[in-house]
Amino acid sequence: MRVILVYDISTETKEGVKRLNRVRKIARRYLDHVQKSVFEGELTEGEIEKLKFELQCIIDNDEDFVIIYKMPPSIMIERDILTNTNDPTSNFI
């Protein structure tokens, strides 16, 4: 399943900065880093549940904002990159 993870972690405190770094490390284990707080990739339902569990153990439900978009394989996604930068997901088939 195609997954896009988007987050905004509050970094107004030292604890927030630590949460941000931990969230980023978890996201990198599962998905490709596309842009500052945006990750995407292909995951199974089980991997999505593990990702959600790990994130929920770290994030602050009152301070942070995390969205996981899930798109079934039957949906074709077209991406238009408007810049000359390298596409970090160019190795997808």
Protein backbone atom coordinates (compact mmCIF):
# COMPACT_ATOMS: atom_id res chain seq x y z
CA MET A 1 0.00 0.00 0.00
CA ARG A 2 1.31 3.46 -0.88
CA VAL A 3 1.82 5.58 2.26
CA ILE A 4 2.57 9.25 2.78
CA LEU A 5 3.53 10.37 6.29
CA VAL A 6 3.35 14.06 7.15
CA TYR A 7 4.14 15.47 10.57
CA ASP A 8 4.61 18.70 12.48
CA ILE A 9 6.23 18.12 15.85
CA SER A 10 6.23 20.99 18.33
CA THR A 11 9.84 22.00 19.04
CA GLU A 12 9.23 24.78 21.53
CA THR A 13 10.83 22.70 24.29
CA LYS A 14 13.87 20.41 24.55
CA GLU A 15 11.50 17.47 24.84
CA GLY A 16 9.85 18.52 21.58
CA VAL A 17 13.18 18.60 19.77
CA LYS A 18 13.93 15.11 21.08
CA ARG A 19 10.50 13.90 19.90
CA LEU A 20 11.12 15.37 16.45
CA ASN A 21 14.43 13.52 16.11
CA ARG A 22 12.90 10.26 17.31
CA VAL A 23 9.93 10.60 14.94
CA ARG A 24 12.28 11.28 12.02
CA LYS A 25 14.40 8.20 12.85
CA ILE A 26 11.33 5.97 13.00
CA ALA A 27 9.96 7.35 9.73
CA ARG A 28 13.30 6.74 7.99
CA ARG A 29 13.23 3.08 9.00
CA TYR A 30 9.95 2.57 7.15
CA LEU A 31 9.75 5.19 4.39
CA ASP A 32 11.80 7.38 2.03
CA HIS A 33 12.50 10.94 3.16
CA VAL A 34 11.00 13.22 0.52
CA GLN A 35 11.04 16.63 2.16
CA LYS A 36 11.67 17.96 5.70
CA SER A 37 8.67 16.35 7.41
CA VAL A 38 7.29 14.31 4.51
CA PHE A 39 8.01 10.63 3.93
CA GLU A 40 6.54 8.18 1.44
CA GLY A 41 6.83 4.58 0.36
CA GLU A 42 5.22 1.17 0.07
CA LEU A 43 4.21 -0.63 3.28
CA THR A 44 2.12 -3.62 4.21
CA GLU A 45 -0.82 -3.22 6.60
CA GLY A 46 1.31 -4.83 9.30
CA GLU A 47 4.16 -2.38 8.73
CA ILE A 48 1.71 0.53 8.85
CA GLU A 49 0.40 -0.69 12.21
CA LYS A 50 3.95 -1.05 13.57
CA LEU A 51 4.81 2.46 12.32
CA LYS A 52 1.68 3.89 13.95
CA PHE A 53 2.40 2.12 17.23
CA GLU A 54 5.99 3.35 17.35
CA LEU A 55 4.95 6.92 16.58
CA GLN A 56 2.13 6.89 19.13
CA CYS A 57 4.64 5.88 21.81
CA ILE A 58 6.60 9.10 21.14
CA ILE A 59 4.32 11.89 19.96
CA ASP A 60 2.46 14.28 22.22
CA ASN A 61 -1.22 14.06 21.27
CA ASP A 62 -1.84 17.65 22.39
CA GLU A 63 1.24 19.31 20.87
CA ASP A 64 2.12 17.37 17.71
CA PHE A 65 0.36 16.72 14.40
CA VAL A 66 0.84 13.49 12.43
CA ILE A 67 -1.06 12.24 9.36
CA ILE A 68 -0.62 8.94 7.53
CA TYR A 69 -2.25 8.84 4.11
CA LYS A 70 -2.89 5.31 2.85
CA MET A 71 -3.62 4.62 -0.82
CA PRO A 72 -4.50 1.14 -2.03
CA PRO A 73 -2.54 -0.27 -4.99
CA SER A 74 -5.60 0.12 -7.24
CA ILE A 75 -5.22 3.91 -7.13
CA MET A 76 -2.70 5.34 -9.57
CA ILE A 77 -0.88 8.39 -8.25
CA GLU A 78 0.68 10.90 -10.57
CA ARG A 79 3.44 13.10 -9.18
CA ASP A 80 4.62 16.31 -10.80
CA ILE A 81 7.95 17.57 -9.45
CA LEU A 82 8.31 21.20 -10.39
CA THR A 83 12.00 21.65 -9.57
CA ASN A 84 15.36 20.35 -10.80
CA THR A 85 16.14 18.57 -7.53
CA ASN A 86 16.68 14.82 -7.35
CA ASP A 87 13.61 12.71 -6.66
CA PRO A 88 14.38 10.64 -3.53
CA THR A 89 11.80 8.08 -4.64
CA SER A 90 13.11 7.63 -8.18
CA ASN A 91 14.04 4.02 -7.44
CA PHE A 92 10.38 2.95 -7.14
CA ILE A 93 9.11 0.64 -9.84
